Structure formats: C-alpha cells, structure tokens
Amino acid sequence: MTTYVITVPGTFTDTIETRTRAELARALRHADPHRTQMGNEEDLDVLTVNEDNTFTIRLTVEADSGPHAEQDARELADSALRAAGLDVTTAPLGPAVITGIDSEI
C-alpha cells in the first residue's frame, strides 16, 4: 500500500455557512494531509474555500494504485459533504487528482 495525497476540487452552488464549513473540515480531519511528509512541507490544508465559492479538498489515502486512491478520495469527499449536510447539487465535485505520493525516499 502507498500513501497518496489526493486533491478533489468542487464548487459550492450557494453560500455556505461557517458552521457547515467547520462540519465539513471536521468530517475530513481523519484524512488530513498534514499527516504526510509532503503535507507538512507544503502546509496542505484539508479544505480550502475561495471567494468565488470554489473549494479544494486535499486528502491522504492509502491505496494499492493511483486509480484506487483517486476513487477512495472521491468517496471520502462525498461522504464528508453528506455528513455536513451537502450533496452533489449543493457541492458538485470535479475529478480527483493525485498531487503527491508520500515517500521516505
């Protein structure tokens, strides 16, 4: 198994309350990229929200391949959004992308 850092972009289709953002960040905390060498070095936040309501979710995923990591990250992001009371109409996601592989090399 390899540890991947995956980025999942998205857009909030409506204004999201601070409380909802906090709930989303809390739901994502277990996959925070700060647990990896790359996440610490680059200070990657699990959730970044921009002024135009676009957002980026960065997750740490253990998987046996890149495609599996991307799929797992998307499922984690979807689950966290639902836990925060959001769904695919209020927070559609873009494609998951590998942004790093945690390695001791």
N, C-alpha and C. Protein backbone atom coordinates (compact mmCIF):
# COMPACT_ATOMS: atom_id res chain seq x y z
N MET A 1 0.83 -1.18 0.00
CA MET A 1 0.00 0.00 0.00
C MET A 1 0.88 1.25 0.00
N THR A 2 0.40 2.24 -0.68
CA THR A 2 1.11 3.51 -0.79
C THR A 2 0.21 4.62 -0.25
N THR A 3 0.82 5.64 0.33
CA THR A 3 0.08 6.79 0.81
C THR A 3 0.10 7.87 -0.27
N TYR A 4 -1.09 8.25 -0.72
CA TYR A 4 -1.25 9.26 -1.75
C TYR A 4 -1.88 10.51 -1.12
N VAL A 5 -1.50 11.67 -1.64
CA VAL A 5 -2.22 12.90 -1.34
C VAL A 5 -3.03 13.21 -2.59
N ILE A 6 -4.35 13.30 -2.39
CA ILE A 6 -5.27 13.49 -3.50
C ILE A 6 -5.97 14.84 -3.35
N THR A 7 -6.12 15.55 -4.45
CA THR A 7 -6.85 16.81 -4.46
C THR A 7 -8.16 16.61 -5.20
N VAL A 8 -9.25 17.06 -4.56
CA VAL A 8 -10.58 16.98 -5.16
C VAL A 8 -11.16 18.40 -5.18
N PRO A 9 -11.34 19.00 -6.37
CA PRO A 9 -11.91 20.34 -6.45
C PRO A 9 -13.44 20.28 -6.46
N GLY A 10 -14.05 21.40 -6.13
CA GLY A 10 -15.50 21.45 -6.17
C GLY A 10 -15.98 22.89 -6.13
N THR A 11 -17.30 23.04 -6.18
CA THR A 11 -17.92 24.37 -6.13
C THR A 11 -19.16 24.31 -5.25
N PHE A 12 -19.26 25.25 -4.33
CA PHE A 12 -20.49 25.40 -3.57
C PHE A 12 -21.44 26.21 -4.45
N THR A 13 -22.63 25.68 -4.71
CA THR A 13 -23.58 26.37 -5.58
C THR A 13 -24.38 27.44 -4.85
N ASP A 14 -24.21 27.54 -3.56
CA ASP A 14 -24.87 28.55 -2.75
C ASP A 14 -23.89 28.96 -1.65
N THR A 15 -24.21 30.03 -0.98
CA THR A 15 -23.37 30.47 0.13
C THR A 15 -23.41 29.42 1.24
N ILE A 16 -22.24 29.07 1.74
CA ILE A 16 -22.13 28.05 2.78
C ILE A 16 -21.80 28.73 4.10
N GLU A 17 -22.56 28.41 5.12
CA GLU A 17 -22.34 29.00 6.44
C GLU A 17 -21.01 28.52 7.04
N THR A 18 -20.47 29.33 7.91
CA THR A 18 -19.22 28.99 8.59
C THR A 18 -19.37 27.67 9.34
N ARG A 19 -20.51 27.45 9.94
CA ARG A 19 -20.75 26.21 10.68
C ARG A 19 -20.67 24.98 9.77
N THR A 20 -21.24 25.10 8.57
CA THR A 20 -21.20 23.99 7.61
C THR A 20 -19.77 23.71 7.17
N ARG A 21 -19.00 24.77 6.94
CA ARG A 21 -17.58 24.60 6.58
C ARG A 21 -16.84 23.88 7.70
N ALA A 22 -17.11 24.26 8.94
CA ALA A 22 -16.45 23.63 10.09
C ALA A 22 -16.83 22.15 10.18
N GLU A 23 -18.10 21.85 9.93
CA GLU A 23 -18.54 20.44 9.95
C GLU A 23 -17.86 19.64 8.86
N LEU A 24 -17.72 20.24 7.69
CA LEU A 24 -17.04 19.57 6.58
C LEU A 24 -15.58 19.32 6.92
N ALA A 25 -14.89 20.33 7.43
CA ALA A 25 -13.48 20.16 7.81
C ALA A 25 -13.34 19.09 8.88
N ARG A 26 -14.26 19.05 9.82
CA ARG A 26 -14.21 18.04 10.89
C ARG A 26 -14.40 16.63 10.31
N ALA A 27 -15.31 16.50 9.34
CA ALA A 27 -15.56 15.20 8.71
C ALA A 27 -14.37 14.72 7.89
N LEU A 28 -13.53 15.66 7.44
CA LEU A 28 -12.36 15.31 6.64
C LEU A 28 -11.09 15.12 7.47
N ARG A 29 -11.13 15.50 8.73
CA ARG A 29 -9.94 15.55 9.58
C ARG A 29 -9.13 14.24 9.58
N HIS A 30 -9.80 13.10 9.57
CA HIS A 30 -9.07 11.82 9.64
C HIS A 30 -8.18 11.57 8.43
N ALA A 31 -8.43 12.30 7.34
CA ALA A 31 -7.62 12.13 6.12
C ALA A 31 -6.77 13.37 5.84
N ASP A 32 -6.48 14.15 6.87
CA ASP A 32 -5.72 15.40 6.75
C ASP A 32 -4.33 15.12 6.18
N PRO A 33 -3.93 15.84 5.12
CA PRO A 33 -2.62 15.60 4.51
C PRO A 33 -1.45 16.02 5.39
N HIS A 34 -1.70 16.76 6.47
CA HIS A 34 -0.60 17.13 7.37
C HIS A 34 0.05 15.90 8.02
N ARG A 35 -0.62 14.75 7.93
CA ARG A 35 -0.03 13.52 8.47
C ARG A 35 1.09 12.98 7.60
N THR A 36 1.25 13.55 6.40
CA THR A 36 2.29 13.07 5.48
C THR A 36 3.46 14.04 5.44
N GLN A 37 4.58 13.57 4.96
CA GLN A 37 5.76 14.41 4.81
C GLN A 37 5.46 15.56 3.86
N MET A 38 4.82 15.29 2.74
CA MET A 38 4.50 16.33 1.77
C MET A 38 3.53 17.34 2.35
N GLY A 39 2.52 16.87 3.07
CA GLY A 39 1.53 17.77 3.66
C GLY A 39 2.15 18.72 4.65
N ASN A 40 3.11 18.23 5.42
CA ASN A 40 3.80 19.10 6.38
C ASN A 40 4.69 20.10 5.67
N GLU A 41 5.46 19.64 4.70
CA GLU A 41 6.39 20.52 3.99
C GLU A 41 5.67 21.62 3.23
N GLU A 42 4.55 21.29 2.61
CA GLU A 42 3.83 22.25 1.79
C GLU A 42 2.66 22.89 2.51
N ASP A 43 2.47 22.54 3.78
CA ASP A 43 1.39 23.07 4.60
C ASP A 43 0.04 22.96 3.90
N LEU A 44 -0.30 21.75 3.49
CA LEU A 44 -1.55 21.49 2.78
C LEU A 44 -2.72 21.42 3.75
N ASP A 45 -3.71 22.26 3.54
CA ASP A 45 -4.92 22.22 4.34
C ASP A 45 -5.90 21.22 3.75
N VAL A 46 -6.66 20.57 4.61
CA VAL A 46 -7.62 19.59 4.15
C VAL A 46 -8.75 20.25 3.36
N LEU A 47 -9.11 21.50 3.70
CA LEU A 47 -10.17 22.21 3.00
C LEU A 47 -9.76 23.66 2.78
N THR A 48 -9.83 24.10 1.54
CA THR A 48 -9.58 25.50 1.19
C THR A 48 -10.81 25.99 0.42
N VAL A 49 -11.38 27.10 0.87
CA VAL A 49 -12.54 27.70 0.20
C VAL A 49 -12.13 29.07 -0.32
N ASN A 50 -12.40 29.29 -1.60
CA ASN A 50 -12.06 30.55 -2.25
C ASN A 50 -13.25 31.51 -2.25
N GLU A 51 -12.99 32.78 -2.53
CA GLU A 51 -14.03 33.81 -2.52
C GLU A 51 -15.14 33.55 -3.54
N ASP A 52 -14.84 32.83 -4.61
CA ASP A 52 -15.84 32.57 -5.65
C ASP A 52 -16.63 31.28 -5.40
N ASN A 53 -16.56 30.75 -4.17
CA ASN A 53 -17.26 29.53 -3.73
C ASN A 53 -16.69 28.25 -4.31
N THR A 54 -15.55 28.32 -5.00
CA THR A 54 -14.87 27.08 -5.36
C THR A 54 -14.10 26.61 -4.13
N PHE A 55 -13.84 25.32 -4.07
CA PHE A 55 -13.10 24.78 -2.93
C PHE A 55 -12.20 23.65 -3.38
N THR A 56 -11.24 23.36 -2.52
CA THR A 56 -10.33 22.25 -2.76
C THR A 56 -10.26 21.41 -1.50
N ILE A 57 -10.45 20.12 -1.68
CA ILE A 57 -10.29 19.16 -0.59
C ILE A 57 -9.02 18.37 -0.88
N ARG A 58 -8.13 18.30 0.11
CA ARG A 58 -6.90 17.52 -0.02
C ARG A 58 -6.93 16.42 1.02
N LEU A 59 -6.76 15.19 0.56
CA LEU A 59 -6.90 14.03 1.43
C LEU A 59 -5.70 13.10 1.33
N THR A 60 -5.44 12.42 2.42
CA THR A 60 -4.45 11.35 2.44
C THR A 60 -5.20 10.03 2.31
N VAL A 61 -4.77 9.21 1.37
CA VAL A 61 -5.44 7.93 1.11
C VAL A 61 -4.39 6.84 0.98
N GLU A 62 -4.62 5.72 1.65
CA GLU A 62 -3.79 4.53 1.48
C GLU A 62 -4.44 3.66 0.41
N ALA A 63 -3.69 3.33 -0.64
CA ALA A 63 -4.24 2.51 -1.71
C ALA A 63 -3.13 1.75 -2.41
N ASP A 64 -3.53 0.74 -3.19
CA ASP A 64 -2.54 -0.06 -3.91
C ASP A 64 -2.24 0.49 -5.29
N SER A 65 -3.01 1.50 -5.75
CA SER A 65 -2.74 2.10 -7.06
C SER A 65 -3.31 3.52 -7.10
N GLY A 66 -2.84 4.30 -8.04
CA GLY A 66 -3.32 5.66 -8.21
C GLY A 66 -4.82 5.74 -8.48
N PRO A 67 -5.33 4.93 -9.42
CA PRO A 67 -6.78 4.99 -9.68
C PRO A 67 -7.62 4.63 -8.45
N HIS A 68 -7.16 3.66 -7.67
CA HIS A 68 -7.89 3.31 -6.45
C HIS A 68 -7.83 4.46 -5.44
N ALA A 69 -6.70 5.12 -5.36
CA ALA A 69 -6.56 6.26 -4.44
C ALA A 69 -7.51 7.38 -4.84
N GLU A 70 -7.58 7.67 -6.12
CA GLU A 70 -8.48 8.72 -6.60
C GLU A 70 -9.94 8.37 -6.30
N GLN A 71 -10.31 7.11 -6.54
CA GLN A 71 -11.68 6.66 -6.27
C GLN A 71 -11.98 6.75 -4.77
N ASP A 72 -11.07 6.28 -3.94
CA ASP A 72 -11.26 6.33 -2.48
C ASP A 72 -11.38 7.77 -1.98
N ALA A 73 -10.56 8.66 -2.53
CA ALA A 73 -10.61 10.07 -2.11
C ALA A 73 -11.94 10.70 -2.48
N ARG A 74 -12.42 10.40 -3.65
CA ARG A 74 -13.72 10.94 -4.07
C ARG A 74 -14.83 10.43 -3.17
N GLU A 75 -14.78 9.15 -2.80
CA GLU A 75 -15.78 8.60 -1.90
C GLU A 75 -15.69 9.26 -0.52
N LEU A 76 -14.47 9.48 -0.02
CA LEU A 76 -14.29 10.18 1.26
C LEU A 76 -14.85 11.59 1.20
N ALA A 77 -14.57 12.30 0.11
CA ALA A 77 -15.07 13.66 -0.04
C ALA A 77 -16.59 13.68 -0.10
N ASP A 78 -17.18 12.78 -0.88
CA ASP A 78 -18.64 12.68 -0.97
C ASP A 78 -19.26 12.41 0.40
N SER A 79 -18.67 11.49 1.14
CA SER A 79 -19.17 11.14 2.47
C SER A 79 -19.09 12.33 3.42
N ALA A 80 -17.98 13.05 3.39
CA ALA A 80 -17.81 14.21 4.27
C ALA A 80 -18.81 15.31 3.92
N LEU A 81 -19.03 15.52 2.62
CA LEU A 81 -20.02 16.52 2.20
C LEU A 81 -21.41 16.16 2.71
N ARG A 82 -21.78 14.89 2.59
CA ARG A 82 -23.08 14.44 3.10
C ARG A 82 -23.18 14.61 4.61
N ALA A 83 -22.09 14.31 5.32
CA ALA A 83 -22.08 14.48 6.78
C ALA A 83 -22.27 15.94 7.18
N ALA A 84 -21.86 16.86 6.31
CA ALA A 84 -22.01 18.29 6.58
C ALA A 84 -23.34 18.83 6.05
N GLY A 85 -24.18 17.94 5.52
CA GLY A 85 -25.48 18.36 5.03
C GLY A 85 -25.49 18.85 3.59
N LEU A 86 -24.44 18.55 2.85
CA LEU A 86 -24.33 18.95 1.45
C LEU A 86 -24.48 17.74 0.55
N ASP A 87 -24.77 17.96 -0.71
CA ASP A 87 -24.87 16.86 -1.66
C ASP A 87 -24.34 17.29 -3.02
N VAL A 88 -24.54 16.46 -4.04
CA VAL A 88 -23.97 16.74 -5.36
C VAL A 88 -24.57 17.98 -6.03
N THR A 89 -25.75 18.41 -5.60
CA THR A 89 -26.32 19.62 -6.19
C THR A 89 -25.82 20.87 -5.48
N THR A 90 -25.52 20.80 -4.20
CA THR A 90 -25.05 21.97 -3.45
C THR A 90 -23.53 22.08 -3.43
N ALA A 91 -22.84 20.97 -3.73
CA ALA A 91 -21.37 20.98 -3.75
C ALA A 91 -20.86 19.95 -4.75
N PRO A 92 -21.05 20.19 -6.05
CA PRO A 92 -20.55 19.24 -7.04
C PRO A 92 -19.01 19.19 -7.02
N LEU A 93 -18.49 18.00 -7.25
CA LEU A 93 -17.05 17.77 -7.22
C LEU A 93 -16.50 17.61 -8.63
N GLY A 94 -15.27 18.03 -8.81
CA GLY A 94 -14.54 17.79 -10.04
C GLY A 94 -13.77 16.48 -9.92
N PRO A 95 -12.94 16.18 -10.90
CA PRO A 95 -12.18 14.93 -10.86
C PRO A 95 -11.09 14.96 -9.79
N ALA A 96 -10.92 13.83 -9.13
CA ALA A 96 -9.85 13.67 -8.14
C ALA A 96 -8.52 13.51 -8.87
N VAL A 97 -7.48 14.13 -8.32
CA VAL A 97 -6.16 14.11 -8.95
C VAL A 97 -5.10 13.81 -7.90
N ILE A 98 -4.14 12.97 -8.25
CA ILE A 98 -3.02 12.70 -7.35
C ILE A 98 -2.10 13.92 -7.37
N THR A 99 -1.87 14.50 -6.20
CA THR A 99 -0.97 15.65 -6.13
C THR A 99 0.32 15.30 -5.40
N GLY A 100 0.40 14.10 -4.87
CA GLY A 100 1.64 13.68 -4.23
C GLY A 100 1.58 12.25 -3.77
N ILE A 101 2.76 11.68 -3.63
CA ILE A 101 2.90 10.33 -3.08
C ILE A 101 3.87 10.46 -1.93
N ASP A 102 3.43 10.07 -0.75
CA ASP A 102 4.27 10.20 0.44
C ASP A 102 5.31 9.10 0.40
N SER A 103 6.56 9.51 0.50
CA SER A 103 7.66 8.56 0.38
C SER A 103 8.80 9.00 1.27
N GLU A 104 9.49 8.05 1.80
CA GLU A 104 10.68 8.34 2.62
C GLU A 104 11.92 8.51 1.75
N ILE A 105 11.78 8.34 0.43
CA ILE A 105 12.91 8.42 -0.49
C ILE A 105 13.37 9.83 -0.66
